[in-house]
Protein backbone atom coordinates (compact mmCIF):
# COMPACT_ATOMS: atom_id res chain seq x y z
CA MET A 1 -22.16 23.34 11.55
CA LEU A 2 -20.28 20.44 13.09
CA ASP A 3 -18.14 21.15 16.14
CA LEU A 4 -14.74 19.43 15.85
CA ARG A 5 -14.46 19.30 19.63
CA GLN A 6 -17.74 17.39 19.82
CA LEU A 7 -16.50 15.02 17.11
CA ARG A 8 -13.35 14.30 19.11
CA TYR A 9 -15.48 13.65 22.18
CA PHE A 10 -17.70 11.31 20.16
CA VAL A 11 -14.75 9.32 18.77
CA THR A 12 -13.25 8.90 22.24
CA VAL A 13 -16.53 7.68 23.74
CA ALA A 14 -17.02 5.32 20.78
CA GLU A 15 -13.55 3.86 21.24
CA THR A 16 -13.88 3.33 25.00
CA GLU A 17 -17.60 2.47 25.07
CA HIS A 18 -17.61 4.09 28.50
CA VAL A 19 -18.33 7.72 29.34
CA GLY A 20 -16.25 7.63 32.52
CA ARG A 21 -13.12 6.27 30.84
CA ALA A 22 -13.61 8.64 27.93
CA ALA A 23 -13.86 11.57 30.32
CA GLU A 24 -10.61 10.54 32.01
CA ARG A 25 -8.85 10.33 28.67
CA LEU A 26 -10.18 13.74 27.66
CA HIS A 27 -9.43 15.28 31.09
CA ILE A 28 -12.97 16.52 31.61
CA SER A 29 -15.79 15.45 33.90
CA GLN A 30 -18.53 13.06 32.81
CA SER A 31 -21.47 15.47 32.90
CA PRO A 32 -20.09 17.99 30.36
CA LEU A 33 -19.01 15.11 28.14
CA SER A 34 -22.49 13.57 28.22
CA ARG A 35 -24.02 16.95 27.40
CA GLN A 36 -21.70 17.43 24.43
CA ILE A 37 -22.57 14.02 23.01
CA ALA A 38 -26.28 14.70 23.50
CA GLN A 39 -25.90 18.07 21.78
CA LEU A 40 -24.14 16.41 18.84
CA GLU A 41 -26.97 13.90 18.47
CA LYS A 42 -29.51 16.73 18.60
CA THR A 43 -27.65 18.69 15.95
CA LEU A 44 -27.52 15.66 13.68
CA GLY A 45 -31.00 14.40 14.46
CA LEU A 46 -29.38 11.00 14.91
CA THR A 47 -28.99 8.50 17.74
CA LEU A 48 -25.32 7.59 17.86
CA PHE A 49 -25.31 5.36 20.95
CA GLU A 50 -27.43 2.67 22.58
CA ARG A 51 -27.32 3.37 26.31
CA SER A 52 -27.77 0.97 29.21
CA GLN A 53 -26.76 0.94 32.86
CA GLN A 54 -23.79 -1.30 32.12
CA ARG A 55 -22.29 0.28 28.97
CA ILE A 56 -22.76 2.49 25.96
CA ARG A 57 -22.59 1.09 22.43
CA LEU A 58 -22.66 2.56 18.95
CA THR A 59 -25.79 2.17 16.88
CA ALA A 60 -25.48 1.00 13.28
CA ASP A 61 -25.73 4.64 12.17
CA GLY A 62 -23.17 5.54 14.81
CA ARG A 63 -20.65 3.09 13.33
CA VAL A 64 -21.02 4.65 9.90
CA PHE A 65 -20.70 8.13 11.39
CA LEU A 66 -17.60 7.09 13.36
CA SER A 67 -15.70 6.12 10.21
CA GLU A 68 -16.43 9.47 8.59
CA ALA A 69 -15.70 11.39 11.79
CA ARG A 70 -12.25 9.81 12.07
CA ALA A 71 -11.48 10.71 8.46
CA LEU A 72 -12.60 14.30 8.99
CA LEU A 73 -10.54 14.70 12.16
CA LEU A 74 -7.48 13.24 10.45
CA HIS A 75 -7.85 15.76 7.65
CA ALA A 76 -8.44 18.57 10.16
CA ASP A 77 -5.23 17.69 11.98
CA ARG A 78 -3.31 17.66 8.71
CA LEU A 79 -4.86 20.99 7.69
CA GLU A 80 -3.86 22.55 11.00
CA ASN A 81 -0.32 21.24 10.59
CA LEU A 82 -0.18 22.59 7.04
CA GLY A 83 -1.39 26.00 8.19
CA ARG A 84 1.25 26.18 10.89
CA ARG A 85 4.00 25.26 8.44
CA LEU A 86 2.76 27.81 5.93
CA GLY A 87 2.66 30.37 8.73
CA ARG A 88 6.35 29.70 9.35
CA GLY A 89 7.07 30.34 5.68
CA GLU A 90 7.39 26.66 4.74
CA GLU A 91 5.68 25.00 1.78
CA GLY A 92 3.78 22.52 3.87
CA GLY A 93 4.22 18.76 3.93
CA LEU A 94 3.43 15.82 1.71
CA CYS A 95 1.32 12.81 2.62
CA ILE A 96 2.20 9.85 0.42
CA GLY A 97 0.49 6.49 0.23
CA TYR A 98 2.45 3.54 -1.09
CA ALA A 99 2.42 -0.18 -1.80
CA PRO A 100 5.46 -2.20 -0.62
CA ASP A 101 6.89 -2.53 -4.13
CA ALA A 102 7.16 1.25 -4.38
CA MET A 103 9.93 0.82 -1.80
CA HIS A 104 11.41 -2.46 -3.05
CA THR A 105 11.88 -1.22 -6.61
CA GLY A 106 13.40 2.08 -5.53
CA VAL A 107 10.68 4.22 -7.16
CA LEU A 108 9.66 5.98 -3.96
CA PRO A 109 13.13 6.26 -2.34
CA ARG A 110 14.51 7.78 -5.55
CA ALA A 111 11.71 10.35 -5.71
CA LEU A 112 12.14 11.19 -2.02
CA ARG A 113 15.88 11.73 -2.51
CA GLU A 114 15.19 14.20 -5.30
CA LEU A 115 12.57 15.93 -3.17
CA HIS A 116 15.01 16.23 -0.27
CA ASP A 117 17.68 17.68 -2.57
CA GLU A 118 15.26 20.31 -3.87
CA ARG A 119 13.38 21.03 -0.63
CA PRO A 120 15.40 19.72 2.33
CA GLY A 121 13.06 21.18 4.95
CA ILE A 122 9.82 19.65 3.73
CA HIS A 123 7.95 17.24 6.00
CA VAL A 124 6.89 13.89 4.48
CA ALA A 125 4.46 11.37 5.98
CA LEU A 126 4.28 7.86 4.47
CA TYR A 127 1.27 5.54 4.73
CA ASN A 128 1.33 1.87 3.70
CA HIS A 129 -2.34 1.10 3.00
CA PRO A 130 -4.31 -1.08 0.55
CA ALA A 131 -5.16 0.59 -2.75
CA ALA A 132 -8.82 1.20 -1.87
CA GLU A 133 -7.85 3.08 1.28
CA GLN A 134 -5.32 5.12 -0.65
CA PHE A 135 -7.92 6.11 -3.24
CA GLU A 136 -10.26 7.22 -0.47
CA GLY A 137 -7.41 9.20 1.07
CA LEU A 138 -6.86 11.00 -2.23
CA ARG A 139 -10.55 11.89 -2.46
CA ARG A 140 -10.61 13.19 1.11
CA ARG A 141 -7.33 15.06 0.57
CA SER A 142 -5.62 13.21 3.42
CA LEU A 143 -3.16 11.92 0.80
CA ASP A 144 -1.41 13.95 -1.89
CA ILE A 145 -0.27 11.06 -4.09
CA ALA A 146 -0.60 7.28 -3.98
CA LEU A 147 1.75 4.63 -5.38
CA VAL A 148 -0.48 1.62 -5.79
CA SER A 149 -0.57 -1.91 -7.13
CA GLU A 150 -3.64 -1.24 -9.23
CA PRO A 151 -5.05 1.91 -10.84
CA PRO A 152 -8.39 3.52 -9.97
CA ALA A 153 -11.25 2.91 -12.38
CA GLU A 154 -10.80 4.64 -15.73
CA ASP A 155 -14.11 6.44 -15.29
CA ASP A 156 -13.34 7.65 -11.74
CA PRO A 157 -14.52 11.29 -11.68
CA ASP A 158 -11.90 12.44 -9.15
CA LEU A 159 -8.74 10.42 -9.66
CA ARG A 160 -6.12 10.14 -12.36
CA ALA A 161 -3.35 7.54 -12.71
CA ALA A 162 -0.26 6.68 -14.73
CA LEU A 163 1.77 3.48 -15.01
CA LEU A 164 5.11 3.89 -13.22
CA LEU A 165 6.65 0.46 -13.46
CA ASP A 166 6.33 -2.62 -15.67
CA ASP A 167 8.94 -4.93 -14.16
CA PRO A 168 9.32 -8.37 -15.84
CA LEU A 169 9.56 -11.47 -13.67
CA LEU A 170 12.61 -13.70 -13.87
CA LEU A 171 13.37 -17.08 -12.33
CA ALA A 172 15.64 -17.16 -9.25
CA VAL A 173 17.38 -20.54 -8.86
CA PRO A 174 19.93 -21.71 -6.26
CA SER A 175 23.31 -21.54 -8.00
CA GLY A 176 23.97 -25.25 -7.42
CA HIS A 177 20.61 -26.37 -8.80
CA SER A 178 20.53 -28.43 -12.00
CA ALA A 179 18.13 -25.93 -13.60
CA ALA A 180 20.75 -23.17 -13.26
CA ASP A 181 22.93 -24.82 -15.92
CA LEU A 182 20.27 -25.64 -18.50
CA ALA A 183 20.75 -23.97 -21.88
CA GLU A 184 17.04 -23.23 -21.99
CA ILE A 185 14.49 -23.70 -19.22
CA THR A 186 11.04 -24.95 -20.24
CA PRO A 187 7.86 -25.27 -18.15
CA THR A 188 8.47 -29.03 -18.04
CA ASP A 189 11.84 -28.44 -16.34
CA LEU A 190 10.05 -26.66 -13.47
CA GLU A 191 7.37 -29.28 -12.97
CA GLY A 192 7.20 -30.45 -9.34
CA LEU A 193 10.25 -28.51 -8.16
CA PRO A 194 10.18 -26.92 -4.67
CA TRP A 195 9.12 -23.27 -4.62
CA ILE A 196 9.24 -20.37 -2.20
CA ALA A 197 6.27 -18.02 -2.37
CA VAL A 198 5.77 -14.66 -0.73
CA GLU A 199 2.50 -14.56 1.14
CA ASN A 200 0.15 -11.60 0.74
CA SER A 201 -1.91 -10.91 3.85
CA ARG A 202 -4.12 -8.49 1.93
CA ARG A 203 -5.22 -11.15 -0.58
CA PRO A 204 -6.50 -14.28 1.21
CA ALA A 205 -6.58 -16.21 -2.06
CA TRP A 206 -2.97 -15.38 -3.01
CA ARG A 207 -1.76 -19.00 -2.81
CA ASP A 208 -4.48 -20.30 -5.15
CA GLU A 209 -3.82 -17.41 -7.53
CA PHE A 210 -0.09 -18.12 -7.58
CA ILE A 211 -0.62 -21.80 -8.35
CA ALA A 212 -3.16 -20.94 -11.07
CA ALA A 213 -0.74 -18.48 -12.65
CA CYS A 214 2.01 -21.10 -12.78
CA ALA A 215 -0.40 -23.67 -14.19
CA ALA A 216 -1.37 -21.22 -16.92
CA SER A 217 2.33 -20.99 -17.82
CA GLY A 218 2.60 -24.78 -18.06
CA PHE A 219 3.94 -26.11 -14.75
CA ALA A 220 2.75 -26.93 -11.23
CA PRO A 221 4.85 -25.50 -8.37
CA ASP A 222 5.43 -27.49 -5.20
CA ILE A 223 5.29 -24.72 -2.58
CA ARG A 224 7.51 -25.82 0.29
CA LEU A 225 8.01 -22.47 2.03
CA GLU A 226 6.08 -19.22 2.37
CA ALA A 227 8.06 -16.07 3.11
CA ALA A 228 6.59 -13.02 4.82
CA GLU A 229 8.43 -10.59 2.54
CA PRO A 230 10.48 -10.67 -0.68
CA LEU A 231 14.03 -10.37 0.64
CA THR A 232 13.44 -13.31 2.98
CA ALA A 233 12.36 -15.40 0.01
CA LEU A 234 15.50 -14.46 -1.93
CA GLY A 235 17.65 -15.50 1.03
CA LEU A 236 15.89 -18.85 1.08
CA VAL A 237 16.64 -19.31 -2.61
CA ALA A 238 20.31 -18.57 -1.91
CA SER A 239 20.22 -21.28 0.78
CA GLY A 240 19.13 -23.84 -1.80
CA LEU A 241 15.62 -24.29 -0.42
CA GLY A 242 13.61 -23.59 -3.56
CA LEU A 243 12.90 -21.43 -6.59
CA ALA A 244 11.09 -18.09 -6.79
CA LEU A 245 9.94 -15.53 -9.32
CA VAL A 246 11.94 -12.32 -9.03
CA GLN A 247 11.47 -8.86 -10.49
CA ARG A 248 14.21 -7.82 -12.88
CA SER A 249 14.83 -4.68 -10.81
CA MET A 250 15.82 -6.87 -7.89
CA VAL A 251 19.06 -8.12 -9.43
CA ARG A 252 20.29 -4.73 -10.72
CA GLY A 253 22.50 -6.42 -13.28
CA GLU A 254 24.01 -8.95 -10.85
CA ALA A 255 22.35 -11.74 -8.89
CA PRO A 256 23.05 -12.03 -5.13
CA ALA A 257 25.56 -14.63 -3.98
CA GLY A 258 24.14 -18.14 -4.22
CA VAL A 259 21.42 -17.18 -6.69
CA THR A 260 21.30 -17.59 -10.46
CA VAL A 261 18.67 -15.55 -12.30
CA ARG A 262 17.33 -16.82 -15.63
CA GLU A 263 15.01 -15.27 -18.16
CA LEU A 264 11.97 -17.30 -19.17
CA PRO A 265 10.87 -16.09 -22.63
CA TRP A 266 7.61 -18.00 -22.34
CA LEU A 267 6.77 -16.42 -18.95
CA ASP A 268 5.21 -13.14 -20.04
CA MET A 269 4.51 -11.75 -16.56
CA SER A 270 5.47 -8.55 -14.80
CA VAL A 271 4.88 -6.51 -11.68
CA ARG A 272 3.13 -3.20 -12.23
CA LEU A 273 2.99 -0.09 -10.12
CA TRP A 274 0.87 3.01 -10.69
CA ALA A 275 0.86 6.58 -9.41
CA ALA A 276 -2.60 7.94 -8.61
CA TRP A 277 -3.60 11.47 -7.67
CA HIS A 278 -6.58 13.82 -7.42
CA ARG A 279 -7.39 15.59 -10.67
CA VAL A 280 -7.33 19.00 -8.96
CA ASP A 281 -4.00 20.12 -7.50
CA LEU A 282 -4.24 22.46 -4.53
CA ARG A 283 -0.53 23.13 -3.96
CA PRO A 284 2.45 23.53 -6.29
CA VAL A 285 4.61 21.21 -4.17
CA VAL A 286 2.20 18.34 -4.90
CA THR A 287 2.41 19.00 -8.64
CA SER A 288 6.19 19.16 -8.47
CA PHE A 289 6.53 15.90 -6.56
CA ARG A 290 4.15 14.10 -8.91
CA GLU A 291 6.23 15.21 -11.88
CA THR A 292 9.31 13.83 -10.12
CA VAL A 293 7.59 10.49 -9.57
CA LEU A 294 6.31 10.28 -13.13
CA ALA A 295 9.80 10.95 -14.48
CA ALA A 296 11.04 7.67 -12.97
CA PRO A 297 12.20 4.93 -15.40
CA ARG A 298 9.38 2.61 -16.46
CA GLY A 299 11.31 -0.61 -17.00
CA GLY A 300 12.14 -1.75 -13.48
CA GLY A 301 15.68 -0.45 -13.29
CA GLY A 302 15.41 0.84 -9.72
CA GLY A 303 16.30 -0.78 -6.41
CA ARG A 304 15.34 -4.16 -5.10
CA GLY A 305 12.00 -5.62 -6.08
CA GLY A 306 9.38 -8.11 -4.97
CA ILE A 307 9.08 -11.81 -5.65
CA GLY A 308 6.20 -13.60 -7.31
CA GLY A 309 3.50 -15.43 -5.42
CA GLY A 310 1.93 -12.64 -3.40
CA GLY A 311 4.27 -9.63 -3.43
CA GLY A 312 3.03 -6.11 -2.80
CA ALA A 313 2.44 -4.95 -6.38
CA HIS A 314 -0.04 -6.28 -8.91
CA LEU A 315 1.27 -9.11 -11.09
CA LYS A 316 -0.11 -9.35 -14.59
CA LYS A 317 0.33 -11.15 -17.81
CA ARG A 318 2.02 -8.33 -19.61
CA ARG A 319 -0.71 -8.25 -22.23
CA GLY A 320 -3.50 -9.98 -20.35
CA ARG A 321 -5.68 -10.21 -17.29
CA PRO A 322 -4.54 -9.86 -13.68
CA LEU A 323 -2.98 -12.98 -12.22
CA TRP A 324 -1.89 -12.52 -8.64
CA GLY A 325 -0.47 -9.90 -6.30
CA GLY A 326 -1.22 -6.84 -4.11
């Protein structure tokens, strides 16, 4: 049986790579700490550290074990917190993973408002992680629900998913731009015009994917600016610095000042957002919150959304293969 105290000792030593500094952080002396680490290695039958006179380093097996130890300790902390809340007569908390577009489109804020109205005392923790990390969190039970830019595999034995949002992309043009007054905008009209793209730090190839997606639609964008997040890009459009692709949910029926939004019938692209969860529910509050999330409108009518060219959610041809995005 693993000793959680020994695991905490191990993680601290691994992070400091120094028994003395680890002992200071843990407020114990070095000798007991060394004995606990040695006992853990004996229990596992595994050498976790390479030791020398100068320093202590993780072995290859130790690095693998460290990742799992951190996950277990995180779950243990959450379990302890849940137990204490249940002991006080509360329902426990919710741990929610999300992609940025879950916030931008209003899907998550709307669900959280409803949750607060129904259960004002519940504790909620939010985690902005890539989809793969969120799926792992669901499997390890460190997350209760994940709002992600791509669904888990259809044959995943543990996870289930449902499409939450299919938000069409529109063209955002500076109001004084010649394209804003065209009766109909064609791909040729957009050829060579300056564009603003939202970079995606989680997809190194986002720029190439954005250009390829535009080329597939029939025009080549001239990317002049790269914005770190969607609202910055929209502000740049309003300043007359370029064009951008905008989710329909972003305009909420009225474009911001300085921006004209046009539909492109030939641009069959949208931003998609999924809810994912573990197939086995352990607590009624998780089931209830998931039902609230799944009841959200599917057509992108929520709050402000992302902008094409690397936004947080997954951008797809609405009836085709993935193009670019989170």
